[in-house]
C-alpha atoms as a PDB file:
ATOM      1  CA  MET A   1      43.474 -57.620-109.379  1.00  0.00           C
ATOM      2  CA  ALA A   2      42.278 -60.748-107.663  1.00  0.00           C
ATOM      3  CA  SER A   3      44.897 -60.291-104.971  1.00  0.00           C
ATOM      4  CA  SER A   4      43.733 -56.736-104.378  1.00  0.00           C
ATOM      5  CA  THR A   5      40.155 -57.884-104.006  1.00  0.00           C
ATOM      6  CA  LEU A   6      41.251 -60.632-101.687  1.00  0.00           C
ATOM      7  CA  PHE A   7      43.181 -58.130 -99.570  1.00  0.00           C
ATOM      8  CA  ARG A   8      40.164 -55.814 -99.218  1.00  0.00           C
ATOM      9  CA  SER A   9      37.802 -58.610 -98.311  1.00  0.00           C
ATOM     10  CA  SER A  10      40.142 -59.874 -95.616  1.00  0.00           C
ATOM     11  CA  LEU A  11      39.935 -56.565 -93.662  1.00  0.00           C
ATOM     12  CA  PRO A  12      37.217 -56.205 -91.040  1.00  0.00           C
ATOM     13  CA  PRO A  13      34.610 -53.645 -92.091  1.00  0.00           C
ATOM     14  CA  LEU A  14      34.726 -50.261 -90.296  1.00  0.00           C
ATOM     15  CA  PHE A  15      30.934 -50.358 -89.903  1.00  0.00           C
ATOM     16  CA  PRO A  16      29.128 -53.654 -90.176  1.00  0.00           C
ATOM     17  CA  ARG A  17      26.555 -53.582 -92.901  1.00  0.00           C
ATOM     18  CA  HIS A  18      23.638 -54.334 -90.673  1.00  0.00           C
ATOM     19  CA  SER A  19      24.553 -51.365 -88.378  1.00  0.00           C
ATOM     20  CA  LEU A  20      24.616 -48.663 -91.035  1.00  0.00           C
ATOM     21  CA  PRO A  21      20.850 -48.113 -91.297  1.00  0.00           C
ATOM     22  CA  SER A  22      20.400 -47.822 -87.534  1.00  0.00           C
ATOM     23  CA  LEU A  23      23.388 -45.466 -87.246  1.00  0.00           C
ATOM     24  CA  PHE A  24      22.058 -43.067 -89.843  1.00  0.00           C
ATOM     25  CA  THR A  25      18.577 -43.307 -88.359  1.00  0.00           C
ATOM     26  CA  ASN A  26      19.816 -42.336 -84.874  1.00  0.00           C
ATOM     27  CA  LEU A  27      21.887 -39.469 -86.249  1.00  0.00           C
ATOM     28  CA  SER A  28      18.925 -38.187 -88.231  1.00  0.00           C
ATOM     29  CA  ILE A  29      16.579 -38.309 -85.206  1.00  0.00           C
ATOM     30  CA  GLN A  30      19.049 -36.457 -82.971  1.00  0.00           C
ATOM     31  CA  THR A  31      19.684 -33.825 -85.663  1.00  0.00           C
ATOM     32  CA  LEU A  32      15.987 -33.307 -86.317  1.00  0.00           C
ATOM     33  CA  THR A  33      15.221 -33.124 -82.600  1.00  0.00           C
ATOM     34  CA  HIS A  34      17.932 -30.534 -82.041  1.00  0.00           C
ATOM     35  CA  LYS A  35      16.795 -28.446 -84.998  1.00  0.00           C
ATOM     36  CA  SER A  36      13.107 -28.738 -84.272  1.00  0.00           C
ATOM     37  CA  ASN A  37      13.363 -27.696 -80.564  1.00  0.00           C
ATOM     38  CA  PRO A  38      16.257 -25.278 -79.964  1.00  0.00           C
ATOM     39  CA  ARG A  39      14.285 -23.684 -77.116  1.00  0.00           C
ATOM     40  CA  SER A  40      14.545 -26.860 -75.033  1.00  0.00           C
ATOM     41  CA  HIS A  41      18.306 -26.751 -75.458  1.00  0.00           C
ATOM     42  CA  ARG A  42      18.453 -23.181 -74.193  1.00  0.00           C
ATOM     43  CA  MET A  43      16.150 -23.987 -71.248  1.00  0.00           C
ATOM     44  CA  SER A  44      18.303 -26.961 -70.317  1.00  0.00           C
ATOM     45  CA  HIS A  45      21.405 -24.790 -70.386  1.00  0.00           C
ATOM     46  CA  ALA A  46      19.701 -22.110 -68.285  1.00  0.00           C
ATOM     47  CA  ALA A  47      18.503 -24.676 -65.754  1.00  0.00           C
ATOM     48  CA  ASN A  48      22.011 -26.014 -65.388  1.00  0.00           C
ATOM     49  CA  SER A  49      23.334 -22.500 -64.775  1.00  0.00           C
ATOM     50  CA  LEU A  50      20.873 -21.813 -61.880  1.00  0.00           C
ATOM     51  CA  PRO A  51      22.249 -22.234 -58.325  1.00  0.00           C
ATOM     52  CA  SER A  52      21.139 -25.318 -56.428  1.00  0.00           C
ATOM     53  CA  PRO A  53      18.436 -24.709 -53.766  1.00  0.00           C
ATOM     54  CA  ASP A  54      20.691 -26.435 -51.250  1.00  0.00           C
ATOM     55  CA  ILE A  55      23.499 -23.996 -52.001  1.00  0.00           C
ATOM     56  CA  GLY A  56      21.136 -21.037 -51.577  1.00  0.00           C
ATOM     57  CA  LEU A  57      19.862 -22.367 -48.243  1.00  0.00           C
ATOM     58  CA  ARG A  58      23.368 -22.950 -46.938  1.00  0.00           C
ATOM     59  CA  SER A  59      24.394 -19.453 -47.980  1.00  0.00           C
ATOM     60  CA  THR A  60      21.395 -17.960 -46.199  1.00  0.00           C
ATOM     61  CA  ILE A  61      22.092 -19.907 -43.007  1.00  0.00           C
ATOM     62  CA  SER A  62      25.763 -18.882 -43.116  1.00  0.00           C
ATOM     63  CA  PHE A  63      24.779 -15.248 -43.572  1.00  0.00           C
ATOM     64  CA  VAL A  64      22.361 -15.396 -40.622  1.00  0.00           C
ATOM     65  CA  ILE A  65      24.962 -17.014 -38.350  1.00  0.00           C
ATOM     66  CA  GLU A  66      27.606 -14.456 -39.305  1.00  0.00           C
ATOM     67  CA  LEU A  67      25.139 -11.626 -38.687  1.00  0.00           C
ATOM     68  CA  ILE A  68      24.193 -12.946 -35.242  1.00  0.00           C
ATOM     69  CA  GLN A  69      27.867 -13.327 -34.325  1.00  0.00           C
ATOM     70  CA  SER A  70      28.703  -9.755 -35.326  1.00  0.00           C
ATOM     71  CA  SER A  71      31.199  -8.264 -32.896  1.00  0.00           C
ATOM     72  CA  PRO A  72      30.543  -5.624 -31.783  1.00  0.00           C
ATOM     73  CA  PRO A  73      26.791  -6.199 -32.209  1.00  0.00           C
ATOM     74  CA  THR A  74      24.926  -4.144 -34.804  1.00  0.00           C
ATOM     75  CA  TRP A  75      21.276  -3.097 -34.868  1.00  0.00           C
ATOM     76  CA  ASN A  76      20.612  -5.655 -37.619  1.00  0.00           C
ATOM     77  CA  SER A  77      22.206  -8.488 -35.664  1.00  0.00           C
ATOM     78  CA  SER A  78      20.354  -7.417 -32.509  1.00  0.00           C
ATOM     79  CA  ILE A  79      16.951  -7.365 -34.204  1.00  0.00           C
ATOM     80  CA  LEU A  80      17.504 -10.693 -35.961  1.00  0.00           C
ATOM     81  CA  SER A  81      18.812 -12.395 -32.813  1.00  0.00           C
ATOM     82  CA  ASN A  82      15.827 -11.209 -30.795  1.00  0.00           C
ATOM     83  CA  MET A  83      13.373 -12.335 -33.462  1.00  0.00           C
ATOM     84  CA  LEU A  84      14.800 -15.850 -33.454  1.00  0.00           C
ATOM     85  CA  ILE A  85      14.998 -16.074 -29.658  1.00  0.00           C
ATOM     86  CA  PHE A  86      11.505 -14.667 -29.141  1.00  0.00           C
ATOM     87  CA  LEU A  87      10.061 -17.145 -31.642  1.00  0.00           C
ATOM     88  CA  ALA A  88      11.813 -20.054 -29.950  1.00  0.00           C
ATOM     89  CA  GLY A  89      10.880 -18.890 -26.451  1.00  0.00           C
ATOM     90  CA  SER A  90       7.329 -17.756 -27.191  1.00  0.00           C
ATOM     91  CA  PRO A  91       5.704 -20.332 -24.825  1.00  0.00           C
ATOM     92  CA  ILE A  92       7.711 -18.951 -21.892  1.00  0.00           C
ATOM     93  CA  LEU A  93       7.112 -15.330 -22.910  1.00  0.00           C
ATOM     94  CA  VAL A  94       3.351 -15.829 -23.176  1.00  0.00           C
ATOM     95  CA  SER A  95       3.237 -17.319 -19.682  1.00  0.00           C
ATOM     96  CA  GLY A  96       4.877 -14.270 -18.121  1.00  0.00           C
ATOM     97  CA  LEU A  97       3.913 -11.325 -20.341  1.00  0.00           C
ATOM     98  CA  SER A  98       0.876  -9.901 -22.083  1.00  0.00           C
ATOM     99  CA  VAL A  99       1.022  -9.295 -25.840  1.00  0.00           C
ATOM    100  CA  SER A 100       1.916  -5.630 -25.352  1.00  0.00           C
ATOM    101  CA  GLY A 101       4.373  -6.694 -22.673  1.00  0.00           C
ATOM    102  CA  ILE A 102       6.094  -8.985 -25.175  1.00  0.00           C
ATOM    103  CA  ALA A 103       6.402  -6.065 -27.614  1.00  0.00           C
ATOM    104  CA  ALA A 104       8.011  -3.929 -24.904  1.00  0.00           C
ATOM    105  CA  ALA A 105      10.312  -6.818 -23.958  1.00  0.00           C
ATOM    106  CA  PHE A 106      11.372  -7.173 -27.609  1.00  0.00           C
ATOM    107  CA  LEU A 107      12.491  -3.546 -27.659  1.00  0.00           C
ATOM    108  CA  LEU A 108      14.343  -4.071 -24.381  1.00  0.00           C
ATOM    109  CA  GLY A 109      16.018  -7.219 -25.694  1.00  0.00           C
ATOM    110  CA  THR A 110      17.103  -5.542 -28.922  1.00  0.00           C
ATOM    111  CA  LEU A 111      18.560  -2.576 -27.041  1.00  0.00           C
ATOM    112  CA  THR A 112      20.327  -4.872 -24.569  1.00  0.00           C
ATOM    113  CA  TRP A 113      21.872  -7.025 -27.336  1.00  0.00           C
ATOM    114  CA  ARG A 114      23.068  -3.932 -29.200  1.00  0.00           C
ATOM    115  CA  ALA A 115      24.682  -2.452 -26.086  1.00  0.00           C
ATOM    116  CA  PHE A 116      26.048  -5.467 -24.208  1.00  0.00           C
ATOM    117  CA  GLY A 117      25.824  -8.393 -26.618  1.00  0.00           C
ATOM    118  CA  PRO A 118      24.593 -11.943 -25.936  1.00  0.00           C
ATOM    119  CA  SER A 119      25.864 -11.957 -22.335  1.00  0.00           C
ATOM    120  CA  GLY A 120      23.802  -8.887 -21.430  1.00  0.00           C
ATOM    121  CA  PHE A 121      20.765 -10.407 -23.127  1.00  0.00           C
ATOM    122  CA  LEU A 122      21.212 -13.672 -21.212  1.00  0.00           C
ATOM    123  CA  LEU A 123      21.364 -11.736 -17.945  1.00  0.00           C
ATOM    124  CA  VAL A 124      17.999 -10.103 -18.676  1.00  0.00           C
ATOM    125  CA  ALA A 125      16.560 -13.453 -19.790  1.00  0.00           C
ATOM    126  CA  MET A 126      17.585 -15.048 -16.492  1.00  0.00           C
ATOM    127  CA  TYR A 127      16.002 -12.160 -14.603  1.00  0.00           C
ATOM    128  CA  PHE A 128      12.760 -12.744 -16.498  1.00  0.00           C
ATOM    129  CA  VAL A 129      12.725 -16.530 -15.970  1.00  0.00           C
ATOM    130  CA  ILE A 130      13.500 -16.364 -12.239  1.00  0.00           C
ATOM    131  CA  GLY A 131      11.139 -13.444 -11.637  1.00  0.00           C
ATOM    132  CA  THR A 132       8.294 -15.148 -13.518  1.00  0.00           C
ATOM    133  CA  ALA A 133       8.825 -18.404 -11.615  1.00  0.00           C
ATOM    134  CA  ALA A 134       8.674 -16.560  -8.281  1.00  0.00           C
ATOM    135  CA  THR A 135       5.521 -14.712  -9.363  1.00  0.00           C
ATOM    136  CA  LYS A 136       3.776 -17.978 -10.271  1.00  0.00           C
ATOM    137  CA  LEU A 137       4.487 -19.601  -6.893  1.00  0.00           C
ATOM    138  CA  LYS A 138       1.273 -20.361  -4.975  1.00  0.00           C
ATOM    139  CA  MET A 139      -0.737 -18.258  -7.406  1.00  0.00           C
ATOM    140  CA  ALA A 140      -4.080 -19.644  -6.194  1.00  0.00           C
ATOM    141  CA  GLN A 141      -3.233 -18.731  -2.595  1.00  0.00           C
ATOM    142  CA  LYS A 142      -2.139 -15.232  -3.591  1.00  0.00           C
ATOM    143  CA  GLU A 143      -5.314 -14.707  -5.617  1.00  0.00           C
ATOM    144  CA  ALA A 144      -7.456 -15.844  -2.691  1.00  0.00           C
ATOM    145  CA  GLN A 145      -5.697 -13.342  -0.414  1.00  0.00           C
ATOM    146  CA  GLY A 146      -5.937 -10.579  -3.024  1.00  0.00           C
ATOM    147  CA  VAL A 147      -2.168 -10.048  -3.275  1.00  0.00           C
ATOM    148  CA  ALA A 148      -1.455 -11.729  -6.649  1.00  0.00           C
ATOM    149  CA  GLU A 149      -0.249  -9.848  -9.707  1.00  0.00           C
ATOM    150  CA  LYS A 150      -2.941  -9.050 -12.267  1.00  0.00           C
ATOM    151  CA  ARG A 151      -3.581 -11.366 -15.248  1.00  0.00           C
ATOM    152  CA  LYS A 152      -2.207 -14.319 -13.273  1.00  0.00           C
ATOM    153  CA  GLY A 153       1.233 -12.746 -13.175  1.00  0.00           C
ATOM    154  CA  ARG A 154       1.412 -11.831 -16.865  1.00  0.00           C
ATOM    155  CA  ARG A 155       3.013  -8.415 -16.761  1.00  0.00           C
ATOM    156  CA  GLY A 156       2.218  -5.631 -19.182  1.00  0.00           C
ATOM    157  CA  PRO A 157       4.358  -2.951 -20.860  1.00  0.00           C
ATOM    158  CA  GLY A 158       4.186  -0.657 -17.830  1.00  0.00           C
ATOM    159  CA  SER A 159       5.800  -3.299 -15.672  1.00  0.00           C
ATOM    160  CA  VAL A 160       8.440  -4.098 -18.324  1.00  0.00           C
ATOM    161  CA  ILE A 161       9.372  -0.439 -18.736  1.00  0.00           C
ATOM    162  CA  GLY A 162       9.247   0.214 -14.999  1.00  0.00           C
ATOM    163  CA  SER A 163      11.553  -2.728 -14.369  1.00  0.00           C
ATOM    164  CA  SER A 164      14.071  -1.867 -17.088  1.00  0.00           C
ATOM    165  CA  ALA A 165      14.138   1.946 -17.302  1.00  0.00           C
ATOM    166  CA  ALA A 166      17.503   2.323 -15.555  1.00  0.00           C
ATOM    167  CA  GLY A 167      18.996  -0.542 -17.550  1.00  0.00           C
ATOM    168  CA  CYS A 168      17.783   1.042 -20.795  1.00  0.00           C
ATOM    169  CA  VAL A 169      19.409   4.359 -19.857  1.00  0.00           C
ATOM    170  CA  CYS A 170      22.694   2.560 -19.167  1.00  0.00           C
ATOM    171  CA  ALA A 171      22.391   0.744 -22.506  1.00  0.00           C
ATOM    172  CA  PHE A 172      21.827   4.001 -24.410  1.00  0.00           C
ATOM    173  CA  LEU A 173      24.804   5.616 -22.665  1.00  0.00           C
ATOM    174  CA  SER A 174      26.982   2.641 -23.576  1.00  0.00           C
ATOM    175  CA  ILE A 175      25.885   2.699 -27.232  1.00  0.00           C
ATOM    176  CA  SER A 176      26.505   6.435 -27.469  1.00  0.00           C
ATOM    177  CA  GLY A 177      30.057   5.940 -26.175  1.00  0.00           C
ATOM    178  CA  LEU A 178      29.649   8.724 -23.622  1.00  0.00           C
ATOM    179  CA  GLY A 179      32.794   8.920 -21.517  1.00  0.00           C
ATOM    180  CA  GLY A 180      34.765   6.420 -23.586  1.00  0.00           C
ATOM    181  CA  GLU A 181      35.824   2.920 -22.533  1.00  0.00           C
ATOM    182  CA  ALA A 182      36.320   3.838 -18.859  1.00  0.00           C
ATOM    183  CA  PHE A 183      32.745   5.024 -18.510  1.00  0.00           C
ATOM    184  CA  ARG A 184      31.448   2.103 -20.544  1.00  0.00           C
ATOM    185  CA  ARG A 185      32.415  -0.142 -17.634  1.00  0.00           C
ATOM    186  CA  LEU A 186      30.344   2.078 -15.341  1.00  0.00           C
ATOM    187  CA  TRP A 187      27.296   1.891 -17.631  1.00  0.00           C
ATOM    188  CA  GLN A 188      27.703  -1.887 -17.729  1.00  0.00           C
ATOM    189  CA  LEU A 189      27.886  -2.035 -13.938  1.00  0.00           C
ATOM    190  CA  GLY A 190      24.809   0.172 -13.615  1.00  0.00           C
ATOM    191  CA  PHE A 191      22.956  -2.085 -16.054  1.00  0.00           C
ATOM    192  CA  VAL A 192      23.720  -5.262 -14.083  1.00  0.00           C
ATOM    193  CA  ALA A 193      22.993  -3.569 -10.749  1.00  0.00           C
ATOM    194  CA  SER A 194      19.572  -2.398 -11.927  1.00  0.00           C
ATOM    195  CA  PHE A 195      18.457  -5.929 -12.775  1.00  0.00           C
ATOM    196  CA  CYS A 196      19.986  -7.370  -9.596  1.00  0.00           C
ATOM    197  CA  THR A 197      17.947  -4.792  -7.689  1.00  0.00           C
ATOM    198  CA  LYS A 198      14.719  -5.550  -9.504  1.00  0.00           C
ATOM    199  CA  LEU A 199      15.104  -9.323  -9.277  1.00  0.00           C
ATOM    200  CA  SER A 200      15.809  -9.060  -5.552  1.00  0.00           C
ATOM    201  CA  ASP A 201      12.719  -6.875  -5.112  1.00  0.00           C
ATOM    202  CA  THR A 202      10.477  -9.213  -7.143  1.00  0.00           C
ATOM    203  CA  VAL A 203      11.655 -12.404  -5.467  1.00  0.00           C
ATOM    204  CA  SER A 204      11.488 -10.964  -1.932  1.00  0.00           C
ATOM    205  CA  SER A 205       7.970  -9.660  -2.555  1.00  0.00           C
ATOM    206  CA  GLU A 206       6.626 -12.850  -4.166  1.00  0.00           C
ATOM    207  CA  ILE A 207       8.288 -15.240  -1.719  1.00  0.00           C
ATOM    208  CA  GLY A 208       7.098 -13.094   1.175  1.00  0.00           C
ATOM    209  CA  LYS A 209       3.511 -13.215  -0.123  1.00  0.00           C
ATOM    210  CA  ALA A 210       3.714 -16.976  -0.640  1.00  0.00           C
ATOM    211  CA  TYR A 211       5.715 -18.171   2.372  1.00  0.00           C
ATOM    212  CA  GLY A 212       6.165 -15.232   4.756  1.00  0.00           C
ATOM    213  CA  LYS A 213       4.982 -16.232   8.243  1.00  0.00           C
ATOM    214  CA  THR A 214       5.126 -12.754   9.727  1.00  0.00           C
ATOM    215  CA  THR A 215       5.141  -9.516   7.747  1.00  0.00           C
ATOM    216  CA  TYR A 216       6.394  -6.268   9.270  1.00  0.00           C
ATOM    217  CA  LEU A 217       5.968  -2.676   8.177  1.00  0.00           C
ATOM    218  CA  VAL A 218       9.513  -1.461   7.622  1.00  0.00           C
ATOM    219  CA  THR A 219       8.954   1.984   9.180  1.00  0.00           C
ATOM    220  CA  THR A 220       7.395   0.849  12.487  1.00  0.00           C
ATOM    221  CA  PHE A 221       7.968  -2.934  12.541  1.00  0.00           C
ATOM    222  CA  LYS A 222       4.271  -3.299  13.147  1.00  0.00           C
ATOM    223  CA  VAL A 223       2.847  -6.648  12.073  1.00  0.00           C
ATOM    224  CA  VAL A 224       0.691  -6.229   8.952  1.00  0.00           C
ATOM    225  CA  LYS A 225      -0.944  -8.543   6.459  1.00  0.00           C
ATOM    226  CA  ARG A 226       0.903  -9.950   3.464  1.00  0.00           C
ATOM    227  CA  GLY A 227       1.051  -7.720   0.416  1.00  0.00           C
ATOM    228  CA  THR A 228       0.967  -4.447   2.364  1.00  0.00           C
ATOM    229  CA  GLU A 229       3.035  -1.726   0.662  1.00  0.00           C
ATOM    230  CA  GLY A 230       6.336  -1.278   2.468  1.00  0.00           C
ATOM    231  CA  ALA A 231       6.022  -4.579   4.356  1.00  0.00           C
ATOM    232  CA  VAL A 232       8.883  -7.093   4.606  1.00  0.00           C
ATOM    233  CA  SER A 233       9.304 -10.644   5.856  1.00  0.00           C
ATOM    234  CA  VAL A 234      12.356 -12.633   6.903  1.00  0.00           C
ATOM    235  CA  GLU A 235      11.647 -15.324   4.294  1.00  0.00           C
ATOM    236  CA  GLY A 236      11.215 -12.816   1.486  1.00  0.00           C
ATOM    237  CA  THR A 237      14.275 -10.770   2.462  1.00  0.00           C
ATOM    238  CA  ILE A 238      16.560 -13.826   2.505  1.00  0.00           C
ATOM    239  CA  ALA A 239      15.176 -15.070  -0.820  1.00  0.00           C
ATOM    240  CA  GLY A 240      15.682 -11.637  -2.393  1.00  0.00           C
ATOM    241  CA  LEU A 241      19.270 -11.515  -1.164  1.00  0.00           C
ATOM    242  CA  PHE A 242      20.044 -14.903  -2.688  1.00  0.00           C
ATOM    243  CA  ALA A 243      18.387 -13.887  -5.975  1.00  0.00           C
ATOM    244  CA  SER A 244      20.619 -10.819  -6.162  1.00  0.00           C
ATOM    245  CA  ILE A 245      23.723 -12.897  -5.426  1.00  0.00           C
ATOM    246  CA  LEU A 246      22.726 -15.390  -8.119  1.00  0.00           C
ATOM    247  CA  LEU A 247      22.252 -12.784 -10.845  1.00  0.00           C
ATOM    248  CA  ALA A 248      25.395 -10.844  -9.878  1.00  0.00           C
ATOM    249  CA  SER A 249      27.394 -14.096  -9.959  1.00  0.00           C
ATOM    250  CA  LEU A 250      26.014 -14.879 -13.397  1.00  0.00           C
ATOM    251  CA  GLY A 251      27.023 -11.422 -14.615  1.00  0.00           C
ATOM    252  CA  CYS A 252      30.507 -12.032 -13.235  1.00  0.00           C
ATOM    253  CA  LEU A 253      30.829 -15.452 -14.885  1.00  0.00           C
ATOM    254  CA  MET A 254      29.818 -13.992 -18.263  1.00  0.00           C
ATOM    255  CA  GLY A 255      32.348 -11.172 -17.967  1.00  0.00           C
ATOM    256  CA  GLU A 256      29.829  -8.357 -17.603  1.00  0.00           C
ATOM    257  CA  ILE A 257      31.287  -7.329 -14.237  1.00  0.00           C
ATOM    258  CA  THR A 258      34.288  -8.228 -12.047  1.00  0.00           C
ATOM    259  CA  PRO A 259      34.019 -10.095  -8.709  1.00  0.00           C
ATOM    260  CA  PRO A 260      34.356  -6.867  -6.647  1.00  0.00           C
ATOM    261  CA  GLU A 261      31.679  -5.277  -8.850  1.00  0.00           C
ATOM    262  CA  ALA A 262      29.424  -8.287  -8.230  1.00  0.00           C
ATOM    263  CA  VAL A 263      29.660  -7.595  -4.496  1.00  0.00           C
ATOM    264  CA  ILE A 264      28.839  -3.946  -5.206  1.00  0.00           C
ATOM    265  CA  CYS A 265      25.719  -4.986  -7.145  1.00  0.00           C
ATOM    266  CA  VAL A 266      24.471  -7.103  -4.235  1.00  0.00           C
ATOM    267  CA  VAL A 267      25.085  -4.360  -1.665  1.00  0.00           C
ATOM    268  CA  ALA A 268      23.503  -1.675  -3.867  1.00  0.00           C
ATOM    269  CA  SER A 269      20.441  -3.850  -4.517  1.00  0.00           C
ATOM    270  CA  GLN A 270      19.774  -4.354  -0.814  1.00  0.00           C
ATOM    271  CA  ILE A 271      20.162  -0.653  -0.024  1.00  0.00           C
ATOM    272  CA  ALA A 272      17.825   0.239  -2.911  1.00  0.00           C
ATOM    273  CA  ASN A 273      15.226  -2.313  -1.834  1.00  0.00           C
ATOM    274  CA  LEU A 274      15.252  -0.954   1.710  1.00  0.00           C
ATOM    275  CA  GLY A 275      14.712   2.512   0.261  1.00  0.00           C
ATOM    276  CA  GLU A 276      11.863   1.198  -1.904  1.00  0.00           C
ATOM    277  CA  SER A 277      10.177  -0.328   1.159  1.00  0.00           C
ATOM    278  CA  LEU A 278      10.495   2.975   3.026  1.00  0.00           C
ATOM    279  CA  ILE A 279       8.921   4.854   0.105  1.00  0.00           C
ATOM    280  CA  GLY A 280       6.121   2.296  -0.123  1.00  0.00           C
ATOM    281  CA  ALA A 281       5.368   2.450   3.591  1.00  0.00           C
ATOM    282  CA  ALA A 282       5.610   6.228   3.954  1.00  0.00           C
ATOM    283  CA  LEU A 283       4.232   7.602   0.681  1.00  0.00           C
ATOM    284  CA  GLN A 284       2.524   5.039  -1.550  1.00  0.00           C
ATOM    285  CA  ASP A 285      -1.282   5.207  -1.553  1.00  0.00           C
ATOM    286  CA  LYS A 286      -1.116   8.321   0.612  1.00  0.00           C
ATOM    287  CA  GLU A 287      -2.908  11.608  -0.107  1.00  0.00           C
ATOM    288  CA  GLY A 288      -0.929  13.661  -2.613  1.00  0.00           C
ATOM    289  CA  PHE A 289       1.034  10.634  -3.825  1.00  0.00           C
ATOM    290  CA  ARG A 290      -1.625   8.745  -5.764  1.00  0.00           C
ATOM    291  CA  TRP A 291       0.606   8.960  -8.836  1.00  0.00           C
ATOM    292  CA  LEU A 292       3.187   6.849  -7.007  1.00  0.00           C
ATOM    293  CA  ASN A 293       1.991   3.460  -8.288  1.00  0.00           C
ATOM    294  CA  ASN A 294       4.023   0.246  -8.439  1.00  0.00           C
ATOM    295  CA  ASP A 295       5.559   1.061 -11.833  1.00  0.00           C
ATOM    296  CA  ALA A 296       6.753   4.462 -10.626  1.00  0.00           C
ATOM    297  CA  VAL A 297       8.185   2.933  -7.457  1.00  0.00           C
ATOM    298  CA  ASN A 298       9.945   0.305  -9.598  1.00  0.00           C
ATOM    299  CA  VAL A 299      11.647   3.037 -11.629  1.00  0.00           C
ATOM    300  CA  ILE A 300      12.820   4.750  -8.433  1.00  0.00           C
ATOM    301  CA  ASN A 301      13.980   1.436  -6.986  1.00  0.00           C
ATOM    302  CA  ILE A 302      16.116   0.271  -9.910  1.00  0.00           C
ATOM    303  CA  SER A 303      17.464   3.776 -10.475  1.00  0.00           C
ATOM    304  CA  MET A 304      18.657   3.855  -6.873  1.00  0.00           C
ATOM    305  CA  GLY A 305      20.312   0.457  -7.258  1.00  0.00           C
ATOM    306  CA  SER A 306      22.075   1.499 -10.458  1.00  0.00           C
ATOM    307  CA  ILE A 307      23.242   4.888  -9.145  1.00  0.00           C
ATOM    308  CA  ILE A 308      24.406   3.501  -5.795  1.00  0.00           C
ATOM    309  CA  ALA A 309      26.451   0.806  -7.550  1.00  0.00           C
ATOM    310  CA  VAL A 310      28.128   3.356  -9.833  1.00  0.00           C
ATOM    311  CA  LEU A 311      28.909   5.683  -6.912  1.00  0.00           C
ATOM    312  CA  ILE A 312      30.392   2.853  -4.839  1.00  0.00           C
ATOM    313  CA  ARG A 313      32.486   1.790  -7.816  1.00  0.00           C
ATOM    314  CA  GLN A 314      33.768   5.290  -8.430  1.00  0.00           C
ATOM    315  CA  PHE A 315      34.536   6.398  -4.897  1.00  0.00           C
ATOM    316  CA  VAL A 316      34.809   3.469  -2.507  1.00  0.00           C
ATOM    317  CA  LEU A 317      36.459   0.918  -4.796  1.00  0.00           C
ATOM    318  CA  GLN A 318      38.720   3.493  -6.460  1.00  0.00           C
ATOM    319  CA  ALA A 319      39.879   4.730  -3.047  1.00  0.00           C
ATOM    320  CA  GLY A 320      40.722   1.150  -2.044  1.00  0.00           C
ATOM    321  CA  LEU A 321      42.762   0.647  -5.218  1.00  0.00           C
ATOM    322  CA  ARG A 322      44.995   3.670  -4.555  1.00  0.00           C
END
């Protein structure tokens, strides 16, 4: 019996005596806390099951990027892309467009992205930047001579629509799939040619008003003052030609058109601009043609450039390929 007692006392205790009260106290507190507030346990579990805000943000960003990169572009991707670009580029847009002009440009940008993707949109953006820069050149001098654009060069919806009508038609035809893939190339060519034509017209006019030493009426070659409808200058004509070459080259580099088609765009733009000058000199501001304002002439001008480019592509280039 004594040996048994000695054996038990020689073993280390499983729980030291002084630790037993604190152990039971801690267990009792945890049990009571759990029983007294089960709601907190459920809320903690629910909070742990919620997605992290960082995960939600990353998912949203990934979704937006995938939507923008949709190929072929969709209406949703086109609208979202334009919203983001217009927000980022608002300082530039405000300098060149009125509020209603920005709204019209947003519609144009969305249509362009849907039809021709980011490359088509970039082409129009370059047209806007270069055209706005040319319009702003020597603005004070132009205003003093009475030949400056209204609102210090900030163009309204009429100007936006007049400058893009032919391009919008080509975009709609491309979206509709009229004529299949073969004709889609023609609509794309007509789109690029229309903006090459308009940029050439804008730059030649604005450079001529700013730097033209001598301005001639295109129908009679009579010397007239700067800003006269139908008047041209050597400086403005050369600048307009280079602007057309620049935009056509950009379209070629981005894969919108081929090198031979880029040459077609430049040629068509110069023919159309000569026709626009003839119309301006012979008809604009004349009795019976008061409706023929600048916006109407712009529509005729870019339509001629687009149609001429398509006709050259179909008949001249095709004949050379046979």
